[in-house]
Amino acid sequence: MSEKFSKEIARMRRIEGQARGIVKMLEEERYCIDILNQVTAVEAALRSAKAKILAIHAGHCIEAAVQNGDSADQREKFDELINLFGKVGR
């Protein structure tokens, strides 16, 4: 397992379990508000995971591009971040 992402892998497995729980709630026709509360919890967990993975990216990939002095690599990483922030805003 990737050391860099080990905590995020565990987090995504918990989110996966939450999503399966939501499916079960739907199958059992549970109260809609309870289902929506669980969906909201999954959304929050995903936002948290996304933020952590972005921090890992900044601390690892972007730092490496800055340290290696390769301006093309730096530009590529910068463009990736700009595109990501554009997607997040939608």
PDB file of N, CA and C in Angstrom:
ATOM      1  N   MET A   1       0.858  -1.174   0.000  1.00  0.00           N
ATOM      2  CA  MET A   1       0.000   0.000   0.000  1.00  0.00           C
ATOM      3  C   MET A   1       0.902   1.234   0.000  1.00  0.00           C
ATOM      4  N   SER A   2       0.474   2.244  -0.704  1.00  0.00           N
ATOM      5  CA  SER A   2       1.237   3.481  -0.788  1.00  0.00           C
ATOM      6  C   SER A   2       1.301   4.164   0.574  1.00  0.00           C
ATOM      7  N   GLU A   3       2.511   4.399   1.046  1.00  0.00           N
ATOM      8  CA  GLU A   3       2.697   5.081   2.332  1.00  0.00           C
ATOM      9  C   GLU A   3       2.119   6.493   2.278  1.00  0.00           C
ATOM     10  N   LYS A   4       2.343   7.153   1.157  1.00  0.00           N
ATOM     11  CA  LYS A   4       1.903   8.539   1.003  1.00  0.00           C
ATOM     12  C   LYS A   4       0.388   8.660   1.138  1.00  0.00           C
ATOM     13  N   PHE A   5      -0.336   7.691   0.628  1.00  0.00           N
ATOM     14  CA  PHE A   5      -1.794   7.759   0.616  1.00  0.00           C
ATOM     15  C   PHE A   5      -2.482   6.799   1.586  1.00  0.00           C
ATOM     16  N   SER A   6      -1.755   6.167   2.485  1.00  0.00           N
ATOM     17  CA  SER A   6      -2.345   5.116   3.318  1.00  0.00           C
ATOM     18  C   SER A   6      -3.542   5.616   4.136  1.00  0.00           C
ATOM     19  N   LYS A   7      -3.436   6.799   4.722  1.00  0.00           N
ATOM     20  CA  LYS A   7      -4.560   7.320   5.504  1.00  0.00           C
ATOM     21  C   LYS A   7      -5.746   7.647   4.612  1.00  0.00           C
ATOM     22  N   GLU A   8      -5.470   8.136   3.414  1.00  0.00           N
ATOM     23  CA  GLU A   8      -6.570   8.485   2.508  1.00  0.00           C
ATOM     24  C   GLU A   8      -7.237   7.238   1.941  1.00  0.00           C
ATOM     25  N   ILE A   9      -6.474   6.185   1.760  1.00  0.00           N
ATOM     26  CA  ILE A   9      -7.066   4.916   1.322  1.00  0.00           C
ATOM     27  C   ILE A   9      -8.031   4.419   2.388  1.00  0.00           C
ATOM     28  N   ALA A  10      -7.614   4.465   3.650  1.00  0.00           N
ATOM     29  CA  ALA A  10      -8.490   4.048   4.746  1.00  0.00           C
ATOM     30  C   ALA A  10      -9.733   4.937   4.801  1.00  0.00           C
ATOM     31  N   ARG A  11      -9.538   6.238   4.609  1.00  0.00           N
ATOM     32  CA  ARG A  11     -10.672   7.172   4.626  1.00  0.00           C
ATOM     33  C   ARG A  11     -11.656   6.842   3.495  1.00  0.00           C
ATOM     34  N   MET A  12     -11.138   6.551   2.313  1.00  0.00           N
ATOM     35  CA  MET A  12     -12.012   6.234   1.181  1.00  0.00           C
ATOM     36  C   MET A  12     -12.753   4.914   1.409  1.00  0.00           C
ATOM     37  N   ARG A  13     -12.134   3.982   2.089  1.00  0.00           N
ATOM     38  CA  ARG A  13     -12.827   2.727   2.409  1.00  0.00           C
ATOM     39  C   ARG A  13     -13.979   2.974   3.385  1.00  0.00           C
ATOM     40  N   ARG A  14     -13.772   3.894   4.329  1.00  0.00           N
ATOM     41  CA  ARG A  14     -14.870   4.251   5.238  1.00  0.00           C
ATOM     42  C   ARG A  14     -15.998   4.927   4.458  1.00  0.00           C
ATOM     43  N   ILE A  15     -15.643   5.795   3.545  1.00  0.00           N
ATOM     44  CA  ILE A  15     -16.652   6.467   2.713  1.00  0.00           C
ATOM     45  C   ILE A  15     -17.399   5.448   1.872  1.00  0.00           C
ATOM     46  N   GLU A  16     -16.676   4.485   1.341  1.00  0.00           N
ATOM     47  CA  GLU A  16     -17.295   3.415   0.564  1.00  0.00           C
ATOM     48  C   GLU A  16     -18.328   2.670   1.413  1.00  0.00           C
ATOM     49  N   GLY A  17     -17.980   2.397   2.674  1.00  0.00           N
ATOM     50  CA  GLY A  17     -18.919   1.736   3.580  1.00  0.00           C
ATOM     51  C   GLY A  17     -20.135   2.604   3.859  1.00  0.00           C
ATOM     52  N   GLN A  18     -19.907   3.909   3.999  1.00  0.00           N
ATOM     53  CA  GLN A  18     -21.040   4.818   4.197  1.00  0.00           C
ATOM     54  C   GLN A  18     -21.957   4.798   2.976  1.00  0.00           C
ATOM     55  N   ALA A  19     -21.376   4.785   1.791  1.00  0.00           N
ATOM     56  CA  ALA A  19     -22.187   4.766   0.569  1.00  0.00           C
ATOM     57  C   ALA A  19     -23.007   3.480   0.488  1.00  0.00           C
ATOM     58  N   ARG A  20     -22.399   2.359   0.865  1.00  0.00           N
ATOM     59  CA  ARG A  20     -23.161   1.100   0.892  1.00  0.00           C
ATOM     60  C   ARG A  20     -24.296   1.179   1.900  1.00  0.00           C
ATOM     61  N   GLY A  21     -24.047   1.847   3.020  1.00  0.00           N
ATOM     62  CA  GLY A  21     -25.091   2.038   4.018  1.00  0.00           C
ATOM     63  C   GLY A  21     -26.251   2.850   3.476  1.00  0.00           C
ATOM     64  N   ILE A  22     -25.947   3.848   2.660  1.00  0.00           N
ATOM     65  CA  ILE A  22     -27.007   4.657   2.047  1.00  0.00           C
ATOM     66  C   ILE A  22     -27.836   3.809   1.093  1.00  0.00           C
ATOM     67  N   VAL A  23     -27.180   2.962   0.315  1.00  0.00           N
ATOM     68  CA  VAL A  23     -27.909   2.066  -0.595  1.00  0.00           C
ATOM     69  C   VAL A  23     -28.856   1.181   0.201  1.00  0.00           C
ATOM     70  N   LYS A  24     -28.368   0.645   1.299  1.00  0.00           N
ATOM     71  CA  LYS A  24     -29.210  -0.219   2.144  1.00  0.00           C
ATOM     72  C   LYS A  24     -30.399   0.567   2.695  1.00  0.00           C
ATOM     73  N   MET A  25     -30.143   1.799   3.123  1.00  0.00           N
ATOM     74  CA  MET A  25     -31.231   2.639   3.633  1.00  0.00           C
ATOM     75  C   MET A  25     -32.293   2.872   2.552  1.00  0.00           C
ATOM     76  N   LEU A  26     -31.836   3.103   1.328  1.00  0.00           N
ATOM     77  CA  LEU A  26     -32.771   3.307   0.215  1.00  0.00           C
ATOM     78  C   LEU A  26     -33.577   2.034  -0.051  1.00  0.00           C
ATOM     79  N   GLU A  27     -32.878   0.902  -0.050  1.00  0.00           N
ATOM     80  CA  GLU A  27     -33.556  -0.374  -0.278  1.00  0.00           C
ATOM     81  C   GLU A  27     -34.605  -0.648   0.794  1.00  0.00           C
ATOM     82  N   GLU A  28     -34.300  -0.230   2.008  1.00  0.00           N
ATOM     83  CA  GLU A  28     -35.231  -0.445   3.127  1.00  0.00           C
ATOM     84  C   GLU A  28     -36.283   0.658   3.221  1.00  0.00           C
ATOM     85  N   GLU A  29     -36.202   1.626   2.293  1.00  0.00           N
ATOM     86  CA  GLU A  29     -37.140   2.750   2.260  1.00  0.00           C
ATOM     87  C   GLU A  29     -37.181   3.482   3.592  1.00  0.00           C
ATOM     88  N   ARG A  30     -35.990   3.756   4.119  1.00  0.00           N
ATOM     89  CA  ARG A  30     -35.879   4.473   5.382  1.00  0.00           C
ATOM     90  C   ARG A  30     -36.325   5.916   5.210  1.00  0.00           C
ATOM     91  N   TYR A  31     -36.496   6.593   6.303  1.00  0.00           N
ATOM     92  CA  TYR A  31     -36.960   7.975   6.325  1.00  0.00           C
ATOM     93  C   TYR A  31     -35.999   8.860   5.510  1.00  0.00           C
ATOM     94  N   CYS A  32     -36.558   9.653   4.608  1.00  0.00           N
ATOM     95  CA  CYS A  32     -35.753  10.448   3.672  1.00  0.00           C
ATOM     96  C   CYS A  32     -34.761  11.369   4.374  1.00  0.00           C
ATOM     97  N   ILE A  33     -35.162  11.973   5.465  1.00  0.00           N
ATOM     98  CA  ILE A  33     -34.267  12.875   6.176  1.00  0.00           C
ATOM     99  C   ILE A  33     -33.049  12.125   6.706  1.00  0.00           C
ATOM    100  N   ASP A  34     -33.255  10.913   7.197  1.00  0.00           N
ATOM    101  CA  ASP A  34     -32.126  10.100   7.659  1.00  0.00           C
ATOM    102  C   ASP A  34     -31.168   9.789   6.510  1.00  0.00           C
ATOM    103  N   ILE A  35     -31.732   9.474   5.350  1.00  0.00           N
ATOM    104  CA  ILE A  35     -30.906   9.188   4.166  1.00  0.00           C
ATOM    105  C   ILE A  35     -30.130  10.439   3.766  1.00  0.00           C
ATOM    106  N   LEU A  36     -30.823  11.570   3.724  1.00  0.00           N
ATOM    107  CA  LEU A  36     -30.165  12.817   3.344  1.00  0.00           C
ATOM    108  C   LEU A  36     -29.062  13.202   4.326  1.00  0.00           C
ATOM    109  N   ASN A  37     -29.274  12.928   5.603  1.00  0.00           N
ATOM    110  CA  ASN A  37     -28.224  13.192   6.587  1.00  0.00           C
ATOM    111  C   ASN A  37     -26.979  12.355   6.299  1.00  0.00           C
ATOM    112  N   GLN A  38     -27.181  11.117   5.897  1.00  0.00           N
ATOM    113  CA  GLN A  38     -26.046  10.256   5.564  1.00  0.00           C
ATOM    114  C   GLN A  38     -25.355  10.715   4.282  1.00  0.00           C
ATOM    115  N   VAL A  39     -26.134  11.159   3.302  1.00  0.00           N
ATOM    116  CA  VAL A  39     -25.554  11.694   2.065  1.00  0.00           C
ATOM    117  C   VAL A  39     -24.702  12.923   2.390  1.00  0.00           C
ATOM    118  N   THR A  40     -25.209  13.781   3.259  1.00  0.00           N
ATOM    119  CA  THR A  40     -24.464  14.970   3.668  1.00  0.00           C
ATOM    120  C   THR A  40     -23.158  14.574   4.355  1.00  0.00           C
ATOM    121  N   ALA A  41     -23.192  13.548   5.174  1.00  0.00           N
ATOM    122  CA  ALA A  41     -21.985  13.074   5.850  1.00  0.00           C
ATOM    123  C   ALA A  41     -20.954  12.562   4.840  1.00  0.00           C
ATOM    124  N   VAL A  42     -21.416  11.857   3.817  1.00  0.00           N
ATOM    125  CA  VAL A  42     -20.505  11.354   2.784  1.00  0.00           C
ATOM    126  C   VAL A  42     -19.900  12.526   2.003  1.00  0.00           C
ATOM    127  N   GLU A  43     -20.722  13.511   1.682  1.00  0.00           N
ATOM    128  CA  GLU A  43     -20.211  14.690   0.971  1.00  0.00           C
ATOM    129  C   GLU A  43     -19.120  15.381   1.791  1.00  0.00           C
ATOM    130  N   ALA A  44     -19.344  15.533   3.078  1.00  0.00           N
ATOM    131  CA  ALA A  44     -18.352  16.178   3.947  1.00  0.00           C
ATOM    132  C   ALA A  44     -17.072  15.347   4.005  1.00  0.00           C
ATOM    133  N   ALA A  45     -17.216  14.038   4.089  1.00  0.00           N
ATOM    134  CA  ALA A  45     -16.045  13.165   4.133  1.00  0.00           C
ATOM    135  C   ALA A  45     -15.254  13.250   2.829  1.00  0.00           C
ATOM    136  N   LEU A  46     -15.955  13.323   1.705  1.00  0.00           N
ATOM    137  CA  LEU A  46     -15.282  13.452   0.415  1.00  0.00           C
ATOM    138  C   LEU A  46     -14.564  14.796   0.288  1.00  0.00           C
ATOM    139  N   ARG A  47     -15.194  15.863   0.757  1.00  0.00           N
ATOM    140  CA  ARG A  47     -14.539  17.178   0.735  1.00  0.00           C
ATOM    141  C   ARG A  47     -13.254  17.145   1.567  1.00  0.00           C
ATOM    142  N   SER A  48     -13.330  16.513   2.712  1.00  0.00           N
ATOM    143  CA  SER A  48     -12.162  16.405   3.577  1.00  0.00           C
ATOM    144  C   SER A  48     -11.052  15.596   2.905  1.00  0.00           C
ATOM    145  N   ALA A  49     -11.414  14.497   2.279  1.00  0.00           N
ATOM    146  CA  ALA A  49     -10.436  13.669   1.571  1.00  0.00           C
ATOM    147  C   ALA A  49      -9.815  14.450   0.419  1.00  0.00           C
ATOM    148  N   LYS A  50     -10.634  15.183  -0.304  1.00  0.00           N
ATOM    149  CA  LYS A  50     -10.132  15.974  -1.427  1.00  0.00           C
ATOM    150  C   LYS A  50      -9.123  17.008  -0.935  1.00  0.00           C
ATOM    151  N   ALA A  51      -9.428  17.678   0.162  1.00  0.00           N
ATOM    152  CA  ALA A  51      -8.517  18.678   0.709  1.00  0.00           C
ATOM    153  C   ALA A  51      -7.193  18.053   1.128  1.00  0.00           C
ATOM    154  N   LYS A  52      -7.259  16.884   1.743  1.00  0.00           N
ATOM    155  CA  LYS A  52      -6.040  16.217   2.189  1.00  0.00           C
ATOM    156  C   LYS A  52      -5.198  15.773   0.995  1.00  0.00           C
ATOM    157  N   ILE A  53      -5.834  15.234  -0.028  1.00  0.00           N
ATOM    158  CA  ILE A  53      -5.094  14.788  -1.217  1.00  0.00           C
ATOM    159  C   ILE A  53      -4.471  15.985  -1.923  1.00  0.00           C
ATOM    160  N   LEU A  54      -5.171  17.101  -1.957  1.00  0.00           N
ATOM    161  CA  LEU A  54      -4.602  18.325  -2.529  1.00  0.00           C
ATOM    162  C   LEU A  54      -3.379  18.765  -1.725  1.00  0.00           C
ATOM    163  N   ALA A  55      -3.458  18.678  -0.408  1.00  0.00           N
ATOM    164  CA  ALA A  55      -2.315  19.037   0.434  1.00  0.00           C
ATOM    165  C   ALA A  55      -1.130  18.108   0.175  1.00  0.00           C
ATOM    166  N   ILE A  56      -1.404  16.828  -0.001  1.00  0.00           N
ATOM    167  CA  ILE A  56      -0.342  15.874  -0.326  1.00  0.00           C
ATOM    168  C   ILE A  56       0.281  16.248  -1.664  1.00  0.00           C
ATOM    169  N   HIS A  57      -0.552  16.585  -2.629  1.00  0.00           N
ATOM    170  CA  HIS A  57      -0.068  16.975  -3.958  1.00  0.00           C
ATOM    171  C   HIS A  57       0.834  18.198  -3.850  1.00  0.00           C
ATOM    172  N   ALA A  58       0.384  19.188  -3.107  1.00  0.00           N
ATOM    173  CA  ALA A  58       1.170  20.411  -2.959  1.00  0.00           C
ATOM    174  C   ALA A  58       2.490  20.120  -2.240  1.00  0.00           C
ATOM    175  N   GLY A  59       2.428  19.286  -1.230  1.00  0.00           N
ATOM    176  CA  GLY A  59       3.618  18.986  -0.453  1.00  0.00           C
ATOM    177  C   GLY A  59       4.589  18.048  -1.133  1.00  0.00           C
ATOM    178  N   HIS A  60       4.118  17.306  -2.107  1.00  0.00           N
ATOM    179  CA  HIS A  60       4.981  16.308  -2.749  1.00  0.00           C
ATOM    180  C   HIS A  60       5.268  16.685  -4.196  1.00  0.00           C
ATOM    181  N   CYS A  61       4.242  16.705  -5.017  1.00  0.00           N
ATOM    182  CA  CYS A  61       4.423  16.896  -6.458  1.00  0.00           C
ATOM    183  C   CYS A  61       4.859  18.321  -6.799  1.00  0.00           C
ATOM    184  N   ILE A  62       4.193  19.290  -6.228  1.00  0.00           N
ATOM    185  CA  ILE A  62       4.529  20.675  -6.538  1.00  0.00           C
ATOM    186  C   ILE A  62       5.885  21.033  -5.941  1.00  0.00           C
ATOM    187  N   GLU A  63       6.126  20.597  -4.723  1.00  0.00           N
ATOM    188  CA  GLU A  63       7.425  20.849  -4.096  1.00  0.00           C
ATOM    189  C   GLU A  63       8.552  20.267  -4.944  1.00  0.00           C
ATOM    190  N   ALA A  64       8.347  19.072  -5.464  1.00  0.00           N
ATOM    191  CA  ALA A  64       9.371  18.439  -6.308  1.00  0.00           C
ATOM    192  C   ALA A  64       9.608  19.255  -7.570  1.00  0.00           C
ATOM    193  N   ALA A  65       8.546  19.781  -8.163  1.00  0.00           N
ATOM    194  CA  ALA A  65       8.691  20.592  -9.375  1.00  0.00           C
ATOM    195  C   ALA A  65       9.454  21.879  -9.081  1.00  0.00           C
ATOM    196  N   VAL A  66       9.192  22.474  -7.925  1.00  0.00           N
ATOM    197  CA  VAL A  66       9.898  23.706  -7.552  1.00  0.00           C
ATOM    198  C   VAL A  66      11.371  23.394  -7.293  1.00  0.00           C
ATOM    199  N   GLN A  67      11.638  22.315  -6.592  1.00  0.00           N
ATOM    200  CA  GLN A  67      13.011  21.981  -6.234  1.00  0.00           C
ATOM    201  C   GLN A  67      13.859  21.562  -7.425  1.00  0.00           C
ATOM    202  N   ASN A  68      13.229  20.907  -8.418  1.00  0.00           N
ATOM    203  CA  ASN A  68      14.037  20.438  -9.544  1.00  0.00           C
ATOM    204  C   ASN A  68      14.375  21.550 -10.531  1.00  0.00           C
ATOM    205  N   GLY A  69      13.716  22.702 -10.388  1.00  0.00           N
ATOM    206  CA  GLY A  69      14.046  23.849 -11.223  1.00  0.00           C
ATOM    207  C   GLY A  69      13.584  23.749 -12.668  1.00  0.00           C
ATOM    208  N   ASP A  70      12.829  22.725 -13.001  1.00  0.00           N
ATOM    209  CA  ASP A  70      12.340  22.526 -14.370  1.00  0.00           C
ATOM    210  C   ASP A  70      11.122  23.423 -14.594  1.00  0.00           C
ATOM    211  N   SER A  71      11.294  24.489 -15.355  1.00  0.00           N
ATOM    212  CA  SER A  71      10.208  25.454 -15.531  1.00  0.00           C
ATOM    213  C   SER A  71       9.011  24.846 -16.265  1.00  0.00           C
ATOM    214  N   ALA A  72       9.234  23.906 -17.171  1.00  0.00           N
ATOM    215  CA  ALA A  72       8.115  23.258 -17.860  1.00  0.00           C
ATOM    216  C   ALA A  72       7.299  22.421 -16.879  1.00  0.00           C
ATOM    217  N   ASP A  73       7.988  21.703 -16.006  1.00  0.00           N
ATOM    218  CA  ASP A  73       7.309  20.900 -14.986  1.00  0.00           C
ATOM    219  C   ASP A  73       6.551  21.806 -14.016  1.00  0.00           C
ATOM    220  N   GLN A  74       7.175  22.914 -13.629  1.00  0.00           N
ATOM    221  CA  GLN A  74       6.514  23.869 -12.741  1.00  0.00           C
ATOM    222  C   GLN A  74       5.254  24.426 -13.383  1.00  0.00           C
ATOM    223  N   ARG A  75       5.338  24.792 -14.658  1.00  0.00           N
ATOM    224  CA  ARG A  75       4.177  25.320 -15.387  1.00  0.00           C
ATOM    225  C   ARG A  75       3.076  24.273 -15.452  1.00  0.00           C
ATOM    226  N   GLU A  76       3.439  23.019 -15.707  1.00  0.00           N
ATOM    227  CA  GLU A  76       2.450  21.938 -15.785  1.00  0.00           C
ATOM    228  C   GLU A  76       1.719  21.773 -14.451  1.00  0.00           C
ATOM    229  N   LYS A  77       2.468  21.764 -13.358  1.00  0.00           N
ATOM    230  CA  LYS A  77       1.849  21.613 -12.037  1.00  0.00           C
ATOM    231  C   LYS A  77       0.959  22.807 -11.708  1.00  0.00           C
ATOM    232  N   PHE A  78       1.401  23.999 -12.060  1.00  0.00           N
ATOM    233  CA  PHE A  78       0.600  25.203 -11.837  1.00  0.00           C
ATOM    234  C   PHE A  78      -0.701  25.125 -12.631  1.00  0.00           C
ATOM    235  N   ASP A  79      -0.613  24.731 -13.898  1.00  0.00           N
ATOM    236  CA  ASP A  79      -1.805  24.604 -14.744  1.00  0.00           C
ATOM    237  C   ASP A  79      -2.772  23.559 -14.194  1.00  0.00           C
ATOM    238  N   GLU A  80      -2.224  22.462 -13.679  1.00  0.00           N
ATOM    239  CA  GLU A  80      -3.073  21.438 -13.066  1.00  0.00           C
ATOM    240  C   GLU A  80      -3.866  22.017 -11.904  1.00  0.00           C
ATOM    241  N   LEU A  81      -3.201  22.799 -11.067  1.00  0.00           N
ATOM    242  CA  LEU A  81      -3.887  23.404  -9.922  1.00  0.00           C
ATOM    243  C   LEU A  81      -4.970  24.377 -10.367  1.00  0.00           C
ATOM    244  N   ILE A  82      -4.670  25.192 -11.352  1.00  0.00           N
ATOM    245  CA  ILE A  82      -5.655  26.148 -11.863  1.00  0.00           C
ATOM    246  C   ILE A  82      -6.872  25.399 -12.402  1.00  0.00           C
ATOM    247  N   ASN A  83      -6.651  24.347 -13.170  1.00  0.00           N
ATOM    248  CA  ASN A  83      -7.768  23.553 -13.696  1.00  0.00           C
ATOM    249  C   ASN A  83      -8.569  22.903 -12.575  1.00  0.00           C
ATOM    250  N   LEU A  84      -7.893  22.421 -11.559  1.00  0.00           N
ATOM    251  CA  LEU A  84      -8.572  21.810 -10.424  1.00  0.00           C
ATOM    252  C   LEU A  84      -9.453  22.813  -9.714  1.00  0.00           C
ATOM    253  N   PHE A  85      -8.918  23.998  -9.442  1.00  0.00           N
ATOM    254  CA  PHE A  85      -9.712  25.019  -8.760  1.00  0.00           C
ATOM    255  C   PHE A  85     -10.918  25.428  -9.600  1.00  0.00           C
ATOM    256  N   GLY A  86     -10.776  25.410 -10.922  1.00  0.00           N
ATOM    257  CA  GLY A  86     -11.919  25.692 -11.796  1.00  0.00           C
ATOM    258  C   GLY A  86     -12.997  24.637 -11.667  1.00  0.00           C
ATOM    259  N   LYS A  87     -12.607  23.387 -11.546  1.00  0.00           N
ATOM    260  CA  LYS A  87     -13.585  22.303 -11.386  1.00  0.00           C
ATOM    261  C   LYS A  87     -14.259  22.356 -10.025  1.00  0.00           C
ATOM    262  N   VAL A  88     -13.501  22.694  -9.006  1.00  0.00           N
ATOM    263  CA  VAL A  88     -14.043  22.742  -7.649  1.00  0.00           C
ATOM    264  C   VAL A  88     -15.112  23.822  -7.538  1.00  0.00           C
ATOM    265  N   GLY A  89     -14.936  24.904  -8.270  1.00  0.00           N
ATOM    266  CA  GLY A  89     -15.876  26.016  -8.208  1.00  0.00           C
ATOM    267  C   GLY A  89     -17.216  25.749  -8.861  1.00  0.00           C
ATOM    268  N   ARG A  90     -17.333  24.665  -9.578  1.00  0.00           N
ATOM    269  CA  ARG A  90     -18.599  24.364 -10.279  1.00  0.00           C
ATOM    270  C   ARG A  90     -19.602  23.747  -9.366  1.00  0.00           C
TER     271      ARG A  90
END
